[in-house]
Amino acid sequence: MDKHFIIQQITESKIVAVIRGQDGAEAAELSKAALEGGIRAIELTYTTPHIEEAFKELRHTDALLGAGSVLDSETARHAILAGAKFIVSSHFVEDVAALCNRYGIPYMPGCMTIREMAMALEAGCDVLKLFPANHFEPSFIKSVNGPLPNVRIMPTGGVNLDNLKSWLQAGAVAAGIGSDLNKAYQQGGYQAVVELSKKYMQKSAD
């Protein structure tokens, strides 16, 4: 898939499920529940042990698979070979940006300041992850787009059903949802994640 087509798929879906599990099998189960609930973009985080098992399990689904918590170019390459179509990290890593550019893979680094965002833009990043988003108000996007009108922001960390609409209306191109899905799984299992994912997709479409 072309890099810009992948970005388009993410921005059209509006929701990225950030999946963390106790192991690869649990991450795969969580991902399948999110997919059943209508979320297509799945970010499998490398903080999950044996996450490659989840990539293997999900490669034949219609999920748009990405990798999160990627801190170096070696991990990014491992993820791409495992089937990741986009790469996400908690902060900007120059080597990861270079590798992703080389292979035409979207890289979405976590940024908090104008300086970090400008560096990421200059390194070829098209969508930036505002992380942790719970330190900001949705109006922050408009403030950023003043000096940096080309910045496209995906808030992650602290986005929930109550504030999702505010972020999207403020200009967020997508939002990363993580802890809510994990809490639902711990409390109600697979079906709880399916139902919560449906609510997120409905809220994003309202």
N, C-alpha and C. Protein backbone atom coordinates (compact mmCIF):
# COMPACT_ATOMS: atom_id res chain seq x y z
N MET A 1 0.83 -1.19 0.00
CA MET A 1 0.00 0.00 0.00
C MET A 1 0.87 1.25 0.00
N ASP A 2 0.46 2.25 -0.73
CA ASP A 2 1.15 3.53 -0.78
C ASP A 2 1.04 4.25 0.57
N LYS A 3 2.11 4.95 0.95
CA LYS A 3 2.17 5.66 2.23
C LYS A 3 0.97 6.59 2.43
N HIS A 4 0.64 7.37 1.42
CA HIS A 4 -0.45 8.33 1.56
C HIS A 4 -1.81 7.65 1.59
N PHE A 5 -1.91 6.49 0.95
CA PHE A 5 -3.15 5.72 1.02
C PHE A 5 -3.35 5.19 2.45
N ILE A 6 -2.26 4.76 3.09
CA ILE A 6 -2.35 4.28 4.47
C ILE A 6 -2.80 5.40 5.39
N ILE A 7 -2.20 6.58 5.23
CA ILE A 7 -2.60 7.74 6.04
C ILE A 7 -4.07 8.06 5.82
N GLN A 8 -4.49 7.99 4.57
CA GLN A 8 -5.90 8.24 4.26
C GLN A 8 -6.81 7.24 4.97
N GLN A 9 -6.40 5.97 4.99
CA GLN A 9 -7.18 4.93 5.67
C GLN A 9 -7.31 5.24 7.16
N ILE A 10 -6.22 5.70 7.77
CA ILE A 10 -6.23 6.02 9.20
C ILE A 10 -7.14 7.21 9.47
N THR A 11 -7.02 8.25 8.66
CA THR A 11 -7.82 9.46 8.91
C THR A 11 -9.30 9.23 8.59
N GLU A 12 -9.59 8.34 7.67
CA GLU A 12 -10.99 8.02 7.37
C GLU A 12 -11.61 7.18 8.49
N SER A 13 -10.81 6.30 9.10
CA SER A 13 -11.34 5.46 10.17
C SER A 13 -11.49 6.24 11.47
N LYS A 14 -10.68 7.30 11.65
CA LYS A 14 -10.74 8.23 12.78
C LYS A 14 -10.29 7.63 14.11
N ILE A 15 -10.39 6.32 14.28
CA ILE A 15 -10.02 5.68 15.54
C ILE A 15 -8.90 4.68 15.31
N VAL A 16 -7.85 4.78 16.15
CA VAL A 16 -6.78 3.78 16.15
C VAL A 16 -6.81 3.08 17.50
N ALA A 17 -7.01 1.77 17.49
CA ALA A 17 -7.01 1.00 18.74
C ALA A 17 -5.57 0.70 19.13
N VAL A 18 -5.15 1.24 20.28
CA VAL A 18 -3.79 1.01 20.78
C VAL A 18 -3.85 -0.21 21.69
N ILE A 19 -3.31 -1.32 21.21
CA ILE A 19 -3.50 -2.61 21.88
C ILE A 19 -2.28 -3.00 22.71
N ARG A 20 -2.51 -3.18 24.01
CA ARG A 20 -1.49 -3.73 24.91
C ARG A 20 -2.07 -4.95 25.58
N GLY A 21 -1.33 -6.04 25.57
CA GLY A 21 -1.80 -7.27 26.21
C GLY A 21 -0.73 -7.85 27.11
N GLN A 22 -1.11 -8.84 27.90
CA GLN A 22 -0.13 -9.52 28.74
C GLN A 22 0.82 -10.35 27.89
N ASP A 23 0.34 -10.73 26.70
CA ASP A 23 1.19 -11.45 25.75
C ASP A 23 0.57 -11.30 24.36
N GLY A 24 1.23 -11.89 23.37
CA GLY A 24 0.76 -11.77 22.00
C GLY A 24 -0.63 -12.33 21.78
N ALA A 25 -0.94 -13.42 22.46
CA ALA A 25 -2.25 -14.05 22.29
C ALA A 25 -3.37 -13.14 22.79
N GLU A 26 -3.14 -12.50 23.95
CA GLU A 26 -4.15 -11.59 24.48
C GLU A 26 -4.30 -10.37 23.58
N ALA A 27 -3.18 -9.87 23.06
CA ALA A 27 -3.23 -8.72 22.15
C ALA A 27 -4.02 -9.06 20.89
N ALA A 28 -3.85 -10.27 20.38
CA ALA A 28 -4.60 -10.71 19.20
C ALA A 28 -6.10 -10.77 19.51
N GLU A 29 -6.43 -11.29 20.69
CA GLU A 29 -7.83 -11.40 21.11
C GLU A 29 -8.48 -10.01 21.23
N LEU A 30 -7.76 -9.09 21.88
CA LEU A 30 -8.24 -7.71 22.01
C LEU A 30 -8.45 -7.07 20.64
N SER A 31 -7.50 -7.30 19.75
CA SER A 31 -7.57 -6.72 18.41
C SER A 31 -8.77 -7.24 17.64
N LYS A 32 -9.01 -8.53 17.73
CA LYS A 32 -10.15 -9.13 17.03
C LYS A 32 -11.47 -8.56 17.54
N ALA A 33 -11.53 -8.31 18.86
CA ALA A 33 -12.75 -7.73 19.43
C ALA A 33 -12.95 -6.30 18.92
N ALA A 34 -11.85 -5.53 18.85
CA ALA A 34 -11.94 -4.16 18.32
C ALA A 34 -12.37 -4.17 16.86
N LEU A 35 -11.83 -5.11 16.09
CA LEU A 35 -12.20 -5.24 14.68
C LEU A 35 -13.68 -5.58 14.54
N GLU A 36 -14.15 -6.49 15.37
CA GLU A 36 -15.57 -6.87 15.32
C GLU A 36 -16.46 -5.68 15.66
N GLY A 37 -15.93 -4.79 16.51
CA GLY A 37 -16.69 -3.59 16.88
C GLY A 37 -16.60 -2.47 15.86
N GLY A 38 -15.82 -2.68 14.79
CA GLY A 38 -15.78 -1.71 13.71
C GLY A 38 -14.52 -0.89 13.58
N ILE A 39 -13.59 -1.05 14.55
CA ILE A 39 -12.32 -0.32 14.47
C ILE A 39 -11.38 -1.08 13.54
N ARG A 40 -10.88 -0.41 12.51
CA ARG A 40 -10.04 -1.10 11.53
C ARG A 40 -8.55 -0.90 11.76
N ALA A 41 -8.15 0.29 12.24
CA ALA A 41 -6.73 0.58 12.45
C ALA A 41 -6.30 0.08 13.81
N ILE A 42 -5.38 -0.86 13.82
CA ILE A 42 -4.93 -1.53 15.03
C ILE A 42 -3.44 -1.27 15.23
N GLU A 43 -3.09 -0.68 16.37
CA GLU A 43 -1.68 -0.42 16.71
C GLU A 43 -1.25 -1.44 17.77
N LEU A 44 -0.43 -2.40 17.37
CA LEU A 44 0.09 -3.41 18.28
C LEU A 44 1.36 -2.90 18.93
N THR A 45 1.36 -2.77 20.26
CA THR A 45 2.49 -2.13 20.93
C THR A 45 3.59 -3.13 21.27
N TYR A 46 4.81 -2.67 21.12
CA TYR A 46 5.97 -3.51 21.41
C TYR A 46 6.29 -3.61 22.90
N THR A 47 5.45 -3.04 23.76
CA THR A 47 5.58 -3.29 25.19
C THR A 47 4.93 -4.61 25.56
N THR A 48 4.22 -5.22 24.62
CA THR A 48 3.58 -6.52 24.83
C THR A 48 4.55 -7.64 24.51
N PRO A 49 4.82 -8.55 25.45
CA PRO A 49 5.72 -9.68 25.17
C PRO A 49 5.20 -10.53 24.01
N HIS A 50 6.10 -10.97 23.15
CA HIS A 50 5.78 -11.86 22.03
C HIS A 50 4.72 -11.25 21.11
N ILE A 51 4.83 -9.94 20.87
CA ILE A 51 3.82 -9.26 20.05
C ILE A 51 3.81 -9.78 18.61
N GLU A 52 4.93 -10.40 18.19
CA GLU A 52 4.96 -10.95 16.82
C GLU A 52 3.88 -12.02 16.62
N GLU A 53 3.47 -12.68 17.71
CA GLU A 53 2.39 -13.68 17.60
C GLU A 53 1.07 -13.02 17.18
N ALA A 54 0.84 -11.80 17.70
CA ALA A 54 -0.38 -11.08 17.34
C ALA A 54 -0.34 -10.66 15.87
N PHE A 55 0.82 -10.19 15.40
CA PHE A 55 0.95 -9.83 13.98
C PHE A 55 0.64 -11.04 13.11
N LYS A 56 1.20 -12.18 13.49
CA LYS A 56 1.00 -13.41 12.70
C LYS A 56 -0.48 -13.80 12.67
N GLU A 57 -1.14 -13.65 13.81
CA GLU A 57 -2.55 -14.03 13.94
C GLU A 57 -3.47 -13.10 13.13
N LEU A 58 -3.06 -11.84 13.01
CA LEU A 58 -3.96 -10.83 12.42
C LEU A 58 -3.64 -10.50 10.96
N ARG A 59 -2.58 -11.03 10.42
CA ARG A 59 -2.15 -10.66 9.08
C ARG A 59 -3.19 -10.98 8.01
N HIS A 60 -4.03 -11.96 8.28
CA HIS A 60 -5.01 -12.38 7.27
C HIS A 60 -6.40 -11.79 7.53
N THR A 61 -6.48 -10.83 8.46
CA THR A 61 -7.74 -10.11 8.67
C THR A 61 -7.73 -8.85 7.81
N ASP A 62 -8.80 -8.07 7.87
CA ASP A 62 -8.83 -6.83 7.10
C ASP A 62 -8.33 -5.64 7.93
N ALA A 63 -7.64 -5.93 9.04
CA ALA A 63 -7.10 -4.87 9.89
C ALA A 63 -6.00 -4.10 9.18
N LEU A 64 -5.94 -2.80 9.45
CA LEU A 64 -4.81 -1.99 9.03
C LEU A 64 -3.85 -2.00 10.21
N LEU A 65 -2.85 -2.87 10.13
CA LEU A 65 -1.97 -3.12 11.27
C LEU A 65 -0.83 -2.13 11.34
N GLY A 66 -0.58 -1.63 12.56
CA GLY A 66 0.56 -0.77 12.81
C GLY A 66 1.29 -1.25 14.05
N ALA A 67 2.41 -0.65 14.33
CA ALA A 67 3.20 -1.00 15.51
C ALA A 67 3.40 0.23 16.37
N GLY A 68 3.24 0.07 17.69
CA GLY A 68 3.43 1.18 18.62
C GLY A 68 4.55 0.90 19.60
N SER A 69 4.90 1.93 20.37
CA SER A 69 6.01 1.85 21.34
C SER A 69 7.30 1.43 20.66
N VAL A 70 7.51 1.92 19.45
CA VAL A 70 8.72 1.61 18.67
C VAL A 70 9.77 2.66 19.01
N LEU A 71 10.88 2.23 19.61
CA LEU A 71 11.88 3.16 20.13
C LEU A 71 13.18 3.19 19.34
N ASP A 72 13.32 2.30 18.35
CA ASP A 72 14.56 2.30 17.57
C ASP A 72 14.29 1.71 16.19
N SER A 73 15.23 1.91 15.30
CA SER A 73 15.04 1.48 13.91
C SER A 73 15.01 -0.04 13.78
N GLU A 74 15.72 -0.75 14.67
CA GLU A 74 15.69 -2.22 14.62
C GLU A 74 14.29 -2.75 14.87
N THR A 75 13.62 -2.16 15.86
CA THR A 75 12.25 -2.57 16.18
C THR A 75 11.31 -2.18 15.04
N ALA A 76 11.54 -1.02 14.46
CA ALA A 76 10.69 -0.58 13.35
C ALA A 76 10.81 -1.56 12.18
N ARG A 77 12.03 -1.98 11.87
CA ARG A 77 12.23 -2.93 10.77
C ARG A 77 11.57 -4.27 11.09
N HIS A 78 11.70 -4.73 12.32
CA HIS A 78 11.06 -5.97 12.76
C HIS A 78 9.55 -5.87 12.55
N ALA A 79 8.98 -4.73 12.92
CA ALA A 79 7.53 -4.54 12.80
C ALA A 79 7.09 -4.53 11.35
N ILE A 80 7.86 -3.85 10.50
CA ILE A 80 7.51 -3.77 9.08
C ILE A 80 7.55 -5.16 8.45
N LEU A 81 8.57 -5.93 8.79
CA LEU A 81 8.68 -7.30 8.26
C LEU A 81 7.54 -8.18 8.79
N ALA A 82 7.04 -7.85 9.99
CA ALA A 82 5.94 -8.63 10.58
C ALA A 82 4.59 -8.25 9.98
N GLY A 83 4.56 -7.12 9.23
CA GLY A 83 3.31 -6.73 8.58
C GLY A 83 2.77 -5.36 8.95
N ALA A 84 3.52 -4.60 9.75
CA ALA A 84 3.06 -3.27 10.15
C ALA A 84 3.03 -2.33 8.95
N LYS A 85 1.93 -1.60 8.81
CA LYS A 85 1.78 -0.63 7.72
C LYS A 85 2.00 0.79 8.19
N PHE A 86 2.10 1.00 9.50
CA PHE A 86 2.46 2.31 10.05
C PHE A 86 3.18 2.10 11.38
N ILE A 87 4.01 3.07 11.74
CA ILE A 87 4.85 2.97 12.94
C ILE A 87 4.56 4.16 13.85
N VAL A 88 4.41 3.88 15.15
CA VAL A 88 4.12 4.91 16.14
C VAL A 88 5.12 4.80 17.29
N SER A 89 5.56 5.93 17.81
CA SER A 89 6.42 5.90 18.99
C SER A 89 5.99 6.97 19.98
N SER A 90 6.49 6.87 21.21
CA SER A 90 6.11 7.82 22.26
C SER A 90 6.76 9.17 22.05
N HIS A 91 7.87 9.20 21.31
CA HIS A 91 8.60 10.44 21.04
C HIS A 91 9.28 10.32 19.68
N PHE A 92 9.78 11.43 19.17
CA PHE A 92 10.41 11.44 17.85
C PHE A 92 11.79 10.78 17.91
N VAL A 93 11.99 9.79 17.01
CA VAL A 93 13.29 9.10 16.90
C VAL A 93 13.77 9.25 15.46
N GLU A 94 14.86 9.97 15.28
CA GLU A 94 15.34 10.31 13.94
C GLU A 94 15.62 9.07 13.09
N ASP A 95 16.25 8.04 13.70
CA ASP A 95 16.58 6.82 12.95
C ASP A 95 15.33 6.09 12.47
N VAL A 96 14.27 6.13 13.27
CA VAL A 96 13.01 5.48 12.89
C VAL A 96 12.39 6.24 11.72
N ALA A 97 12.44 7.57 11.78
CA ALA A 97 11.91 8.39 10.68
C ALA A 97 12.63 8.06 9.38
N ALA A 98 13.96 7.95 9.45
CA ALA A 98 14.75 7.66 8.24
C ALA A 98 14.39 6.30 7.67
N LEU A 99 14.27 5.29 8.53
CA LEU A 99 13.95 3.94 8.06
C LEU A 99 12.56 3.90 7.43
N CYS A 100 11.59 4.55 8.08
CA CYS A 100 10.22 4.55 7.56
C CYS A 100 10.15 5.27 6.22
N ASN A 101 10.88 6.38 6.08
CA ASN A 101 10.92 7.08 4.80
C ASN A 101 11.49 6.18 3.71
N ARG A 102 12.51 5.42 4.08
CA ARG A 102 13.18 4.54 3.11
C ARG A 102 12.21 3.52 2.54
N TYR A 103 11.30 3.03 3.39
CA TYR A 103 10.39 1.97 2.96
C TYR A 103 8.98 2.47 2.66
N GLY A 104 8.78 3.80 2.71
CA GLY A 104 7.46 4.35 2.39
C GLY A 104 6.39 4.01 3.41
N ILE A 105 6.79 3.97 4.70
CA ILE A 105 5.87 3.63 5.78
C ILE A 105 5.58 4.88 6.61
N PRO A 106 4.32 5.22 6.88
CA PRO A 106 4.03 6.37 7.72
C PRO A 106 4.60 6.19 9.13
N TYR A 107 5.22 7.26 9.63
CA TYR A 107 5.77 7.27 10.99
C TYR A 107 5.09 8.38 11.77
N MET A 108 4.46 8.02 12.90
CA MET A 108 3.72 8.97 13.72
C MET A 108 4.34 9.04 15.11
N PRO A 109 5.29 9.96 15.30
CA PRO A 109 5.96 10.06 16.60
C PRO A 109 5.17 10.91 17.59
N GLY A 110 5.35 10.63 18.86
CA GLY A 110 4.73 11.44 19.89
C GLY A 110 5.44 12.77 20.02
N CYS A 111 4.68 13.85 20.04
CA CYS A 111 5.24 15.20 20.16
C CYS A 111 4.38 16.00 21.13
N MET A 112 5.04 16.91 21.88
CA MET A 112 4.31 17.77 22.81
C MET A 112 4.54 19.25 22.54
N THR A 113 5.67 19.59 21.93
CA THR A 113 6.03 20.99 21.76
C THR A 113 6.10 21.36 20.27
N ILE A 114 6.03 22.66 19.99
CA ILE A 114 6.16 23.15 18.62
C ILE A 114 7.51 22.72 18.04
N ARG A 115 8.56 22.80 18.84
CA ARG A 115 9.90 22.42 18.38
C ARG A 115 9.93 20.95 17.94
N GLU A 116 9.37 20.07 18.78
CA GLU A 116 9.34 18.65 18.43
C GLU A 116 8.53 18.41 17.16
N MET A 117 7.43 19.11 17.04
CA MET A 117 6.58 18.95 15.85
C MET A 117 7.29 19.43 14.60
N ALA A 118 7.99 20.55 14.69
CA ALA A 118 8.73 21.07 13.54
C ALA A 118 9.82 20.09 13.11
N MET A 119 10.53 19.50 14.08
CA MET A 119 11.57 18.51 13.77
C MET A 119 10.98 17.30 13.06
N ALA A 120 9.82 16.84 13.56
CA ALA A 120 9.18 15.67 12.97
C ALA A 120 8.70 15.97 11.54
N LEU A 121 8.15 17.16 11.34
CA LEU A 121 7.72 17.55 10.00
C LEU A 121 8.89 17.56 9.03
N GLU A 122 10.02 18.14 9.47
CA GLU A 122 11.21 18.23 8.62
C GLU A 122 11.78 16.85 8.29
N ALA A 123 11.48 15.87 9.15
CA ALA A 123 11.96 14.51 8.92
C ALA A 123 10.98 13.68 8.09
N GLY A 124 9.90 14.32 7.59
CA GLY A 124 8.98 13.63 6.69
C GLY A 124 7.76 13.00 7.34
N CYS A 125 7.50 13.33 8.62
CA CYS A 125 6.34 12.76 9.31
C CYS A 125 5.08 13.53 8.90
N ASP A 126 4.04 12.82 8.49
CA ASP A 126 2.82 13.45 7.99
C ASP A 126 1.76 13.63 9.05
N VAL A 127 1.69 12.69 10.01
CA VAL A 127 0.73 12.77 11.11
C VAL A 127 1.53 12.65 12.41
N LEU A 128 1.27 13.55 13.36
CA LEU A 128 2.00 13.54 14.62
C LEU A 128 1.06 13.13 15.76
N LYS A 129 1.58 12.30 16.64
CA LYS A 129 0.80 11.86 17.80
C LYS A 129 0.99 12.87 18.94
N LEU A 130 -0.07 13.54 19.34
CA LEU A 130 -0.01 14.41 20.50
C LEU A 130 -0.12 13.52 21.72
N PHE A 131 0.99 13.41 22.46
CA PHE A 131 1.03 12.44 23.57
C PHE A 131 1.86 12.99 24.72
N PRO A 132 1.34 12.85 25.94
CA PRO A 132 -0.01 12.38 26.30
C PRO A 132 -1.03 13.50 26.14
N ALA A 133 -2.13 13.21 25.46
CA ALA A 133 -3.12 14.22 25.12
C ALA A 133 -3.87 14.75 26.34
N ASN A 134 -3.87 14.00 27.45
CA ASN A 134 -4.60 14.46 28.64
C ASN A 134 -3.93 15.66 29.31
N HIS A 135 -2.78 16.08 28.80
CA HIS A 135 -2.13 17.30 29.29
C HIS A 135 -2.56 18.53 28.50
N PHE A 136 -3.44 18.33 27.51
CA PHE A 136 -3.81 19.43 26.62
C PHE A 136 -5.33 19.51 26.47
N GLU A 137 -5.78 20.68 26.01
CA GLU A 137 -7.17 20.86 25.62
C GLU A 137 -7.25 20.72 24.09
N PRO A 138 -8.41 20.32 23.55
CA PRO A 138 -8.55 20.21 22.09
C PRO A 138 -8.17 21.48 21.34
N SER A 139 -8.37 22.64 21.97
CA SER A 139 -8.05 23.92 21.31
C SER A 139 -6.56 24.05 21.00
N PHE A 140 -5.74 23.21 21.61
CA PHE A 140 -4.29 23.23 21.35
C PHE A 140 -3.99 23.01 19.87
N ILE A 141 -4.83 22.22 19.20
CA ILE A 141 -4.60 21.93 17.78
C ILE A 141 -4.65 23.22 16.96
N LYS A 142 -5.64 24.07 17.23
CA LYS A 142 -5.75 25.34 16.51
C LYS A 142 -4.53 26.22 16.79
N SER A 143 -4.05 26.19 18.02
CA SER A 143 -2.88 26.99 18.38
C SER A 143 -1.65 26.53 17.61
N VAL A 144 -1.51 25.22 17.43
CA VAL A 144 -0.38 24.66 16.70
C VAL A 144 -0.49 25.00 15.21
N ASN A 145 -1.71 24.91 14.69
CA ASN A 145 -1.91 25.13 13.26
C ASN A 145 -1.71 26.58 12.83
N GLY A 146 -1.56 27.50 13.81
CA GLY A 146 -1.22 28.87 13.49
C GLY A 146 0.17 28.95 12.87
N PRO A 147 1.22 28.60 13.66
CA PRO A 147 2.58 28.63 13.11
C PRO A 147 2.90 27.44 12.21
N LEU A 148 2.21 26.32 12.42
CA LEU A 148 2.49 25.10 11.64
C LEU A 148 1.19 24.61 10.99
N PRO A 149 0.72 25.26 9.92
CA PRO A 149 -0.58 24.92 9.34
C PRO A 149 -0.65 23.53 8.72
N ASN A 150 0.51 22.93 8.43
CA ASN A 150 0.50 21.60 7.80
C ASN A 150 0.46 20.44 8.78
N VAL A 151 0.54 20.75 10.07
CA VAL A 151 0.57 19.68 11.07
C VAL A 151 -0.80 19.00 11.16
N ARG A 152 -0.77 17.67 11.08
CA ARG A 152 -1.98 16.88 11.31
C ARG A 152 -1.77 16.08 12.59
N ILE A 153 -2.70 16.20 13.51
CA ILE A 153 -2.49 15.69 14.87
C ILE A 153 -3.46 14.56 15.21
N MET A 154 -2.89 13.51 15.86
CA MET A 154 -3.66 12.39 16.38
C MET A 154 -3.45 12.33 17.89
N PRO A 155 -4.39 12.87 18.69
CA PRO A 155 -4.23 12.80 20.15
C PRO A 155 -4.33 11.36 20.65
N THR A 156 -3.49 11.03 21.60
CA THR A 156 -3.47 9.69 22.20
C THR A 156 -3.11 9.84 23.68
N GLY A 157 -3.79 9.08 24.52
CA GLY A 157 -3.53 9.17 25.95
C GLY A 157 -4.53 10.10 26.60
N GLY A 158 -5.56 9.54 27.19
CA GLY A 158 -6.59 10.37 27.82
C GLY A 158 -7.78 10.67 26.94
N VAL A 159 -7.79 10.16 25.71
CA VAL A 159 -8.97 10.34 24.85
C VAL A 159 -10.01 9.29 25.24
N ASN A 160 -11.25 9.72 25.44
CA ASN A 160 -12.31 8.80 25.84
C ASN A 160 -13.62 9.16 25.15
N LEU A 161 -14.67 8.44 25.47
CA LEU A 161 -15.96 8.69 24.82
C LEU A 161 -16.49 10.09 25.09
N ASP A 162 -16.13 10.65 26.25
CA ASP A 162 -16.65 11.97 26.61
C ASP A 162 -15.97 13.10 25.84
N ASN A 163 -14.69 12.94 25.51
CA ASN A 163 -14.00 14.05 24.85
C ASN A 163 -13.60 13.78 23.40
N LEU A 164 -13.88 12.58 22.90
CA LEU A 164 -13.50 12.23 21.53
C LEU A 164 -14.06 13.23 20.52
N LYS A 165 -15.34 13.55 20.64
CA LYS A 165 -15.98 14.45 19.68
C LYS A 165 -15.31 15.83 19.70
N SER A 166 -14.95 16.29 20.89
CA SER A 166 -14.30 17.60 21.01
C SER A 166 -12.97 17.63 20.28
N TRP A 167 -12.21 16.55 20.40
CA TRP A 167 -10.92 16.47 19.71
C TRP A 167 -11.11 16.46 18.20
N LEU A 168 -12.06 15.67 17.73
CA LEU A 168 -12.28 15.59 16.28
C LEU A 168 -12.79 16.92 15.73
N GLN A 169 -13.69 17.56 16.45
CA GLN A 169 -14.21 18.85 16.01
C GLN A 169 -13.13 19.93 16.02
N ALA A 170 -12.14 19.76 16.90
CA ALA A 170 -11.05 20.73 17.00
C ALA A 170 -10.01 20.56 15.90
N GLY A 171 -10.14 19.46 15.12
CA GLY A 171 -9.24 19.27 14.00
C GLY A 171 -8.36 18.04 14.04
N ALA A 172 -8.51 17.21 15.08
CA ALA A 172 -7.74 15.96 15.12
C ALA A 172 -8.12 15.09 13.92
N VAL A 173 -7.12 14.54 13.23
CA VAL A 173 -7.40 13.72 12.05
C VAL A 173 -7.79 12.30 12.44
N ALA A 174 -7.42 11.90 13.66
CA ALA A 174 -7.77 10.59 14.21
C ALA A 174 -7.45 10.65 15.69
N ALA A 175 -7.83 9.61 16.43
CA ALA A 175 -7.52 9.56 17.86
C ALA A 175 -7.10 8.15 18.24
N GLY A 176 -6.12 8.06 19.11
CA GLY A 176 -5.67 6.76 19.61
C GLY A 176 -6.41 6.41 20.89
N ILE A 177 -6.99 5.21 20.93
CA ILE A 177 -7.77 4.75 22.09
C ILE A 177 -7.08 3.51 22.66
N GLY A 178 -6.68 3.56 23.93
CA GLY A 178 -5.96 2.42 24.48
C GLY A 178 -6.50 1.91 25.78
N SER A 179 -6.36 2.69 26.84
CA SER A 179 -6.66 2.20 28.19
C SER A 179 -8.13 1.79 28.34
N ASP A 180 -9.04 2.50 27.68
CA ASP A 180 -10.46 2.14 27.77
C ASP A 180 -10.72 0.72 27.29
N LEU A 181 -10.09 0.37 26.17
CA LEU A 181 -10.29 -0.97 25.60
C LEU A 181 -9.71 -2.04 26.52
N ASN A 182 -8.53 -1.75 27.09
CA ASN A 182 -7.91 -2.71 27.99
C ASN A 182 -8.73 -2.90 29.26
N LYS A 183 -9.26 -1.79 29.79
CA LYS A 183 -10.10 -1.88 30.99
C LYS A 183 -11.36 -2.69 30.70
N ALA A 184 -11.96 -2.45 29.53
CA ALA A 184 -13.17 -3.20 29.15
C ALA A 184 -12.88 -4.69 29.08
N TYR A 185 -11.72 -5.04 28.53
CA TYR A 185 -11.36 -6.45 28.39
C TYR A 185 -11.16 -7.10 29.76
N GLN A 186 -10.49 -6.37 30.66
CA GLN A 186 -10.25 -6.93 32.01
C GLN A 186 -11.54 -7.11 32.78
N GLN A 187 -12.49 -6.19 32.55
CA GLN A 187 -13.73 -6.23 33.32
C GLN A 187 -14.82 -7.09 32.70
N GLY A 188 -14.87 -7.13 31.36
CA GLY A 188 -15.98 -7.83 30.72
C GLY A 188 -15.60 -8.77 29.60
N GLY A 189 -14.29 -8.90 29.35
CA GLY A 189 -13.84 -9.83 28.33
C GLY A 189 -14.06 -9.35 26.90
N TYR A 190 -14.02 -10.29 25.99
CA TYR A 190 -14.07 -10.03 24.54
C TYR A 190 -15.27 -9.19 24.14
N GLN A 191 -16.46 -9.58 24.57
CA GLN A 191 -17.68 -8.91 24.14
C GLN A 191 -17.74 -7.47 24.61
N ALA A 192 -17.17 -7.19 25.78
CA ALA A 192 -17.16 -5.82 26.30
C ALA A 192 -16.34 -4.91 25.39
N VAL A 193 -15.26 -5.44 24.83
CA VAL A 193 -14.42 -4.67 23.91
C VAL A 193 -15.17 -4.43 22.60
N VAL A 194 -15.89 -5.44 22.13
CA VAL A 194 -16.70 -5.29 20.91
C VAL A 194 -17.70 -4.15 21.09
N GLU A 195 -18.41 -4.16 22.20
CA GLU A 195 -19.46 -3.15 22.44
C GLU A 195 -18.86 -1.75 22.60
N LEU A 196 -17.74 -1.64 23.32
CA LEU A 196 -17.11 -0.35 23.50
C LEU A 196 -16.56 0.19 22.17
N SER A 197 -16.01 -0.69 21.36
CA SER A 197 -15.50 -0.29 20.04
C SER A 197 -16.64 0.26 19.17
N LYS A 198 -17.79 -0.37 19.24
CA LYS A 198 -18.96 0.11 18.49
C LYS A 198 -19.33 1.52 18.94
N LYS A 199 -19.26 1.77 20.25
CA LYS A 199 -19.59 3.09 20.78
C LYS A 199 -18.61 4.14 20.27
N TYR A 200 -17.34 3.79 20.24
CA TYR A 200 -16.34 4.73 19.73
C TYR A 200 -16.57 5.05 18.25
N MET A 201 -16.86 4.02 17.48
CA MET A 201 -17.09 4.24 16.05
C MET A 201 -18.34 5.08 15.82
N GLN A 202 -19.37 4.83 16.61
CA GLN A 202 -20.60 5.62 16.50
C GLN A 202 -20.34 7.07 16.86
N LYS A 203 -19.60 7.28 17.95
CA LYS A 203 -19.29 8.64 18.40
C LYS A 203 -18.47 9.40 17.37
N SER A 204 -17.54 8.69 16.71
CA SER A 204 -16.68 9.34 15.71
C SER A 204 -17.45 9.70 14.46
N ALA A 205 -18.58 9.01 14.24
CA ALA A 205 -19.37 9.26 13.03
C ALA A 205 -20.49 10.27 13.24
N ASP A 206 -20.80 10.58 14.51
CA ASP A 206 -21.90 11.50 14.81
C ASP A 206 -21.63 12.90 14.27
